Amino acid sequence: MSVSLTKAIRVLAMMVVFALSFTTQIASALEVGDQAPDFSLHASDGNTYTLSQFKGKEPVVIAFFPKAFTGG
């Protein structure tokens, strides 16, 4: 196995663990109808946005594409 493939597998594994732990924490902490806690995310345009920036102004949709940029 090449070094780059091994590194890619490690990075992917870390991303999966992070995503699963984040999803589990949020799912167990919120009930249906609860307000979402404030958070920040780095966007593909290079900026960082917080949920509070949009509260009361416009809808917020968070899209997660697990196979984006993987070539598969």
PDB file of N, CA and C in Angstrom:
ATOM      1  N   MET A   1       0.859  -1.178   0.000  1.00  0.00           N
ATOM      2  CA  MET A   1       0.000   0.000   0.000  1.00  0.00           C
ATOM      3  C   MET A   1       0.900   1.235   0.000  1.00  0.00           C
ATOM      4  N   SER A   2       0.594   2.184  -0.861  1.00  0.00           N
ATOM      5  CA  SER A   2       1.421   3.375  -0.968  1.00  0.00           C
ATOM      6  C   SER A   2       1.217   4.276   0.241  1.00  0.00           C
ATOM      7  N   VAL A   3       2.190   5.148   0.481  1.00  0.00           N
ATOM      8  CA  VAL A   3       2.138   6.073   1.611  1.00  0.00           C
ATOM      9  C   VAL A   3       0.954   7.025   1.475  1.00  0.00           C
ATOM     10  N   SER A   4       0.702   7.517   0.265  1.00  0.00           N
ATOM     11  CA  SER A   4      -0.404   8.456   0.073  1.00  0.00           C
ATOM     12  C   SER A   4      -1.755   7.782   0.314  1.00  0.00           C
ATOM     13  N   LEU A   5      -1.895   6.534  -0.078  1.00  0.00           N
ATOM     14  CA  LEU A   5      -3.143   5.813   0.162  1.00  0.00           C
ATOM     15  C   LEU A   5      -3.331   5.561   1.655  1.00  0.00           C
ATOM     16  N   THR A   6      -2.269   5.194   2.346  1.00  0.00           N
ATOM     17  CA  THR A   6      -2.340   4.986   3.786  1.00  0.00           C
ATOM     18  C   THR A   6      -2.721   6.273   4.499  1.00  0.00           C
ATOM     19  N   LYS A   7      -2.130   7.359   4.083  1.00  0.00           N
ATOM     20  CA  LYS A   7      -2.448   8.649   4.689  1.00  0.00           C
ATOM     21  C   LYS A   7      -3.903   9.026   4.420  1.00  0.00           C
ATOM     22  N   ALA A   8      -4.375   8.797   3.212  1.00  0.00           N
ATOM     23  CA  ALA A   8      -5.760   9.103   2.861  1.00  0.00           C
ATOM     24  C   ALA A   8      -6.725   8.272   3.689  1.00  0.00           C
ATOM     25  N   ILE A   9      -6.407   7.002   3.909  1.00  0.00           N
ATOM     26  CA  ILE A   9      -7.263   6.139   4.722  1.00  0.00           C
ATOM     27  C   ILE A   9      -7.299   6.632   6.165  1.00  0.00           C
ATOM     28  N   ARG A  10      -6.158   7.051   6.697  1.00  0.00           N
ATOM     29  CA  ARG A  10      -6.119   7.579   8.066  1.00  0.00           C
ATOM     30  C   ARG A  10      -6.954   8.842   8.197  1.00  0.00           C
ATOM     31  N   VAL A  11      -6.811   9.746   7.231  1.00  0.00           N
ATOM     32  CA  VAL A  11      -7.586  10.994   7.264  1.00  0.00           C
ATOM     33  C   VAL A  11      -9.074  10.693   7.178  1.00  0.00           C
ATOM     34  N   LEU A  12      -9.460   9.804   6.284  1.00  0.00           N
ATOM     35  CA  LEU A  12     -10.858   9.429   6.139  1.00  0.00           C
ATOM     36  C   LEU A  12     -11.391   8.804   7.426  1.00  0.00           C
ATOM     37  N   ALA A  13     -10.609   7.945   8.043  1.00  0.00           N
ATOM     38  CA  ALA A  13     -11.028   7.314   9.294  1.00  0.00           C
ATOM     39  C   ALA A  13     -11.235   8.355  10.392  1.00  0.00           C
ATOM     40  N   MET A  14     -10.340   9.334  10.486  1.00  0.00           N
ATOM     41  CA  MET A  14     -10.483  10.388  11.487  1.00  0.00           C
ATOM     42  C   MET A  14     -11.736  11.216  11.213  1.00  0.00           C
ATOM     43  N   MET A  15     -12.014  11.493   9.944  1.00  0.00           N
ATOM     44  CA  MET A  15     -13.207  12.262   9.597  1.00  0.00           C
ATOM     45  C   MET A  15     -14.480  11.504   9.976  1.00  0.00           C
ATOM     46  N   VAL A  16     -14.489  10.212   9.739  1.00  0.00           N
ATOM     47  CA  VAL A  16     -15.658   9.402  10.077  1.00  0.00           C
ATOM     48  C   VAL A  16     -15.868   9.386  11.584  1.00  0.00           C
ATOM     49  N   VAL A  17     -14.798   9.191  12.348  1.00  0.00           N
ATOM     50  CA  VAL A  17     -14.906   9.185  13.812  1.00  0.00           C
ATOM     51  C   VAL A  17     -15.410  10.535  14.305  1.00  0.00           C
ATOM     52  N   PHE A  18     -14.873  11.619  13.766  1.00  0.00           N
ATOM     53  CA  PHE A  18     -15.320  12.954  14.164  1.00  0.00           C
ATOM     54  C   PHE A  18     -16.795  13.149  13.841  1.00  0.00           C
ATOM     55  N   ALA A  19     -17.195  12.793  12.636  1.00  0.00           N
ATOM     56  CA  ALA A  19     -18.589  12.975  12.221  1.00  0.00           C
ATOM     57  C   ALA A  19     -19.533  12.160  13.089  1.00  0.00           C
ATOM     58  N   LEU A  20     -19.168  10.925  13.379  1.00  0.00           N
ATOM     59  CA  LEU A  20     -20.026  10.080  14.212  1.00  0.00           C
ATOM     60  C   LEU A  20     -20.121  10.605  15.633  1.00  0.00           C
ATOM     61  N   SER A  21     -19.010  11.045  16.192  1.00  0.00           N
ATOM     62  CA  SER A  21     -19.055  11.552  17.565  1.00  0.00           C
ATOM     63  C   SER A  21     -19.829  12.859  17.631  1.00  0.00           C
ATOM     64  N   PHE A  22     -19.685  13.717  16.637  1.00  0.00           N
ATOM     65  CA  PHE A  22     -20.413  14.984  16.611  1.00  0.00           C
ATOM     66  C   PHE A  22     -21.910  14.722  16.476  1.00  0.00           C
ATOM     67  N   THR A  23     -22.286  13.827  15.576  1.00  0.00           N
ATOM     68  CA  THR A  23     -23.694  13.511  15.343  1.00  0.00           C
ATOM     69  C   THR A  23     -24.313  12.897  16.598  1.00  0.00           C
ATOM     70  N   THR A  24     -23.607  12.009  17.256  1.00  0.00           N
ATOM     71  CA  THR A  24     -24.122  11.370  18.459  1.00  0.00           C
ATOM     72  C   THR A  24     -24.321  12.386  19.572  1.00  0.00           C
ATOM     73  N   GLN A  25     -23.384  13.309  19.744  1.00  0.00           N
ATOM     74  CA  GLN A  25     -23.504  14.321  20.790  1.00  0.00           C
ATOM     75  C   GLN A  25     -24.710  15.212  20.542  1.00  0.00           C
ATOM     76  N   ILE A  26     -24.889  15.662  19.320  1.00  0.00           N
ATOM     77  CA  ILE A  26     -26.005  16.546  19.002  1.00  0.00           C
ATOM     78  C   ILE A  26     -27.322  15.793  19.137  1.00  0.00           C
ATOM     79  N   ALA A  27     -27.373  14.587  18.608  1.00  0.00           N
ATOM     80  CA  ALA A  27     -28.616  13.823  18.636  1.00  0.00           C
ATOM     81  C   ALA A  27     -29.059  13.514  20.060  1.00  0.00           C
ATOM     82  N   SER A  28     -28.123  13.253  20.948  1.00  0.00           N
ATOM     83  CA  SER A  28     -28.505  12.915  22.307  1.00  0.00           C
ATOM     84  C   SER A  28     -28.792  14.157  23.147  1.00  0.00           C
ATOM     85  N   ALA A  29     -28.301  15.312  22.723  1.00  0.00           N
ATOM     86  CA  ALA A  29     -28.466  16.522  23.526  1.00  0.00           C
ATOM     87  C   ALA A  29     -29.733  17.293  23.181  1.00  0.00           C
ATOM     88  N   LEU A  30     -30.289  17.103  22.004  1.00  0.00           N
ATOM     89  CA  LEU A  30     -31.451  17.877  21.569  1.00  0.00           C
ATOM     90  C   LEU A  30     -32.683  17.004  21.450  1.00  0.00           C
ATOM     91  N   GLU A  31     -33.813  17.598  21.717  1.00  0.00           N
ATOM     92  CA  GLU A  31     -35.098  16.950  21.519  1.00  0.00           C
ATOM     93  C   GLU A  31     -35.792  17.629  20.343  1.00  0.00           C
ATOM     94  N   VAL A  32     -36.765  16.975  19.768  1.00  0.00           N
ATOM     95  CA  VAL A  32     -37.535  17.571  18.680  1.00  0.00           C
ATOM     96  C   VAL A  32     -38.148  18.872  19.181  1.00  0.00           C
ATOM     97  N   GLY A  33     -37.978  19.931  18.406  1.00  0.00           N
ATOM     98  CA  GLY A  33     -38.527  21.237  18.775  1.00  0.00           C
ATOM     99  C   GLY A  33     -37.544  22.130  19.520  1.00  0.00           C
ATOM    100  N   ASP A  34     -36.409  21.583  19.991  1.00  0.00           N
ATOM    101  CA  ASP A  34     -35.395  22.401  20.666  1.00  0.00           C
ATOM    102  C   ASP A  34     -34.727  23.327  19.671  1.00  0.00           C
ATOM    103  N   GLN A  35     -34.274  24.474  20.156  1.00  0.00           N
ATOM    104  CA  GLN A  35     -33.492  25.362  19.303  1.00  0.00           C
ATOM    105  C   GLN A  35     -32.076  24.813  19.187  1.00  0.00           C
ATOM    106  N   ALA A  36     -31.507  24.975  18.013  1.00  0.00           N
ATOM    107  CA  ALA A  36     -30.136  24.515  17.786  1.00  0.00           C
ATOM    108  C   ALA A  36     -29.169  25.411  18.548  1.00  0.00           C
ATOM    109  N   PRO A  37     -28.134  24.839  19.145  1.00  0.00           N
ATOM    110  CA  PRO A  37     -27.126  25.659  19.822  1.00  0.00           C
ATOM    111  C   PRO A  37     -26.307  26.433  18.792  1.00  0.00           C
ATOM    112  N   ASP A  38     -25.749  27.547  19.204  1.00  0.00           N
ATOM    113  CA  ASP A  38     -24.902  28.314  18.292  1.00  0.00           C
ATOM    114  C   ASP A  38     -23.630  27.520  17.998  1.00  0.00           C
ATOM    115  N   PHE A  39     -23.180  27.572  16.782  1.00  0.00           N
ATOM    116  CA  PHE A  39     -21.956  26.893  16.371  1.00  0.00           C
ATOM    117  C   PHE A  39     -21.352  27.651  15.211  1.00  0.00           C
ATOM    118  N   SER A  40     -20.111  27.331  14.882  1.00  0.00           N
ATOM    119  CA  SER A  40     -19.459  27.953  13.729  1.00  0.00           C
ATOM    120  C   SER A  40     -18.936  26.858  12.810  1.00  0.00           C
ATOM    121  N   LEU A  41     -18.955  27.152  11.519  1.00  0.00           N
ATOM    122  CA  LEU A  41     -18.457  26.228  10.506  1.00  0.00           C
ATOM    123  C   LEU A  41     -17.634  26.990   9.483  1.00  0.00           C
ATOM    124  N   HIS A  42     -16.594  26.326   8.978  1.00  0.00           N
ATOM    125  CA  HIS A  42     -15.785  26.892   7.900  1.00  0.00           C
ATOM    126  C   HIS A  42     -16.460  26.524   6.590  1.00  0.00           C
ATOM    127  N   ALA A  43     -16.768  27.502   5.779  1.00  0.00           N
ATOM    128  CA  ALA A  43     -17.473  27.281   4.522  1.00  0.00           C
ATOM    129  C   ALA A  43     -16.497  27.110   3.365  1.00  0.00           C
ATOM    130  N   SER A  44     -17.022  26.611   2.260  1.00  0.00           N
ATOM    131  CA  SER A  44     -16.184  26.385   1.080  1.00  0.00           C
ATOM    132  C   SER A  44     -15.696  27.687   0.453  1.00  0.00           C
ATOM    133  N   ASP A  45     -16.282  28.828   0.843  1.00  0.00           N
ATOM    134  CA  ASP A  45     -15.804  30.108   0.320  1.00  0.00           C
ATOM    135  C   ASP A  45     -14.652  30.678   1.153  1.00  0.00           C
ATOM    136  N   GLY A  46     -14.205  29.916   2.159  1.00  0.00           N
ATOM    137  CA  GLY A  46     -13.070  30.332   2.974  1.00  0.00           C
ATOM    138  C   GLY A  46     -13.456  31.114   4.224  1.00  0.00           C
ATOM    139  N   ASN A  47     -14.709  31.473   4.360  1.00  0.00           N
ATOM    140  CA  ASN A  47     -15.169  32.233   5.531  1.00  0.00           C
ATOM    141  C   ASN A  47     -15.691  31.297   6.611  1.00  0.00           C
ATOM    142  N   THR A  48     -15.747  31.806   7.839  1.00  0.00           N
ATOM    143  CA  THR A  48     -16.341  31.084   8.950  1.00  0.00           C
ATOM    144  C   THR A  48     -17.655  31.763   9.294  1.00  0.00           C
ATOM    145  N   TYR A  49     -18.694  30.959   9.419  1.00  0.00           N
ATOM    146  CA  TYR A  49     -20.020  31.482   9.724  1.00  0.00           C
ATOM    147  C   TYR A  49     -20.520  30.868  11.022  1.00  0.00           C
ATOM    148  N   THR A  50     -21.334  31.628  11.758  1.00  0.00           N
ATOM    149  CA  THR A  50     -21.973  31.116  12.962  1.00  0.00           C
ATOM    150  C   THR A  50     -23.474  31.082  12.740  1.00  0.00           C
ATOM    151  N   LEU A  51     -24.126  30.186  13.439  1.00  0.00           N
ATOM    152  CA  LEU A  51     -25.571  30.096  13.321  1.00  0.00           C
ATOM    153  C   LEU A  51     -26.229  31.394  13.756  1.00  0.00           C
ATOM    154  N   SER A  52     -25.677  32.031  14.776  1.00  0.00           N
ATOM    155  CA  SER A  52     -26.279  33.266  15.292  1.00  0.00           C
ATOM    156  C   SER A  52     -26.266  34.403  14.272  1.00  0.00           C
ATOM    157  N   GLN A  53     -25.376  34.352  13.289  1.00  0.00           N
ATOM    158  CA  GLN A  53     -25.352  35.373  12.236  1.00  0.00           C
ATOM    159  C   GLN A  53     -26.635  35.368  11.419  1.00  0.00           C
ATOM    160  N   PHE A  54     -27.288  34.222  11.331  1.00  0.00           N
ATOM    161  CA  PHE A  54     -28.453  34.071  10.476  1.00  0.00           C
ATOM    162  C   PHE A  54     -29.777  34.030  11.241  1.00  0.00           C
ATOM    163  N   LYS A  55     -29.704  33.922  12.572  1.00  0.00           N
ATOM    164  CA  LYS A  55     -30.917  33.770  13.380  1.00  0.00           C
ATOM    165  C   LYS A  55     -31.872  34.932  13.131  1.00  0.00           C
ATOM    166  N   GLY A  56     -33.099  34.595  12.765  1.00  0.00           N
ATOM    167  CA  GLY A  56     -34.127  35.594  12.519  1.00  0.00           C
ATOM    168  C   GLY A  56     -34.001  36.316  11.194  1.00  0.00           C
ATOM    169  N   LYS A  57     -32.994  35.978  10.385  1.00  0.00           N
ATOM    170  CA  LYS A  57     -32.771  36.672   9.112  1.00  0.00           C
ATOM    171  C   LYS A  57     -33.114  35.812   7.913  1.00  0.00           C
ATOM    172  N   GLU A  58     -32.662  34.572   7.912  1.00  0.00           N
ATOM    173  CA  GLU A  58     -32.905  33.677   6.789  1.00  0.00           C
ATOM    174  C   GLU A  58     -32.733  32.229   7.224  1.00  0.00           C
ATOM    175  N   PRO A  59     -33.328  31.289   6.474  1.00  0.00           N
ATOM    176  CA  PRO A  59     -33.204  29.863   6.826  1.00  0.00           C
ATOM    177  C   PRO A  59     -31.761  29.386   6.697  1.00  0.00           C
ATOM    178  N   VAL A  60     -31.408  28.384   7.472  1.00  0.00           N
ATOM    179  CA  VAL A  60     -30.070  27.802   7.431  1.00  0.00           C
ATOM    180  C   VAL A  60     -30.199  26.330   7.066  1.00  0.00           C
ATOM    181  N   VAL A  61     -29.446  25.910   6.061  1.00  0.00           N
ATOM    182  CA  VAL A  61     -29.401  24.511   5.650  1.00  0.00           C
ATOM    183  C   VAL A  61     -27.951  24.072   5.715  1.00  0.00           C
ATOM    184  N   ILE A  62     -27.700  22.967   6.398  1.00  0.00           N
ATOM    185  CA  ILE A  62     -26.349  22.420   6.476  1.00  0.00           C
ATOM    186  C   ILE A  62     -26.341  21.140   5.659  1.00  0.00           C
ATOM    187  N   ALA A  63     -25.495  21.085   4.650  1.00  0.00           N
ATOM    188  CA  ALA A  63     -25.405  19.910   3.789  1.00  0.00           C
ATOM    189  C   ALA A  63     -24.075  19.216   4.039  1.00  0.00           C
ATOM    190  N   PHE A  64     -24.110  17.919   4.187  1.00  0.00           N
ATOM    191  CA  PHE A  64     -22.905  17.123   4.418  1.00  0.00           C
ATOM    192  C   PHE A  64     -22.774  16.120   3.288  1.00  0.00           C
ATOM    193  N   PHE A  65     -21.679  16.175   2.577  1.00  0.00           N
ATOM    194  CA  PHE A  65     -21.433  15.276   1.461  1.00  0.00           C
ATOM    195  C   PHE A  65     -20.236  14.388   1.793  1.00  0.00           C
ATOM    196  N   PRO A  66     -20.472  13.210   2.362  1.00  0.00           N
ATOM    197  CA  PRO A  66     -19.358  12.376   2.829  1.00  0.00           C
ATOM    198  C   PRO A  66     -18.399  11.919   1.737  1.00  0.00           C
ATOM    199  N   LYS A  67     -18.832  11.865   0.497  1.00  0.00           N
ATOM    200  CA  LYS A  67     -17.920  11.412  -0.573  1.00  0.00           C
ATOM    201  C   LYS A  67     -17.397  12.567  -1.419  1.00  0.00           C
ATOM    202  N   ALA A  68     -17.641  13.773  -1.010  1.00  0.00           N
ATOM    203  CA  ALA A  68     -17.161  14.927  -1.788  1.00  0.00           C
ATOM    204  C   ALA A  68     -15.638  14.932  -1.822  1.00  0.00           C
ATOM    205  N   PHE A  69     -15.086  15.208  -2.955  1.00  0.00           N
ATOM    206  CA  PHE A  69     -13.641  15.325  -3.170  1.00  0.00           C
ATOM    207  C   PHE A  69     -12.876  14.030  -2.916  1.00  0.00           C
ATOM    208  N   THR A  70     -13.554  12.887  -3.003  1.00  0.00           N
ATOM    209  CA  THR A  70     -12.849  11.612  -2.776  1.00  0.00           C
ATOM    210  C   THR A  70     -12.505  10.898  -4.072  1.00  0.00           C
ATOM    211  N   GLY A  71     -13.100  11.356  -5.173  1.00  0.00           N
ATOM    212  CA  GLY A  71     -12.836  10.698  -6.448  1.00  0.00           C
ATOM    213  C   GLY A  71     -13.558   9.382  -6.591  1.00  0.00           C
ATOM    214  N   GLY A  72     -14.457   9.056  -5.643  1.00  0.00           N
ATOM    215  CA  GLY A  72     -15.134   7.760  -5.724  1.00  0.00           C
ATOM    216  C   GLY A  72     -16.601   7.821  -5.855  1.00  0.00           C
TER     217      GLY A  72
END
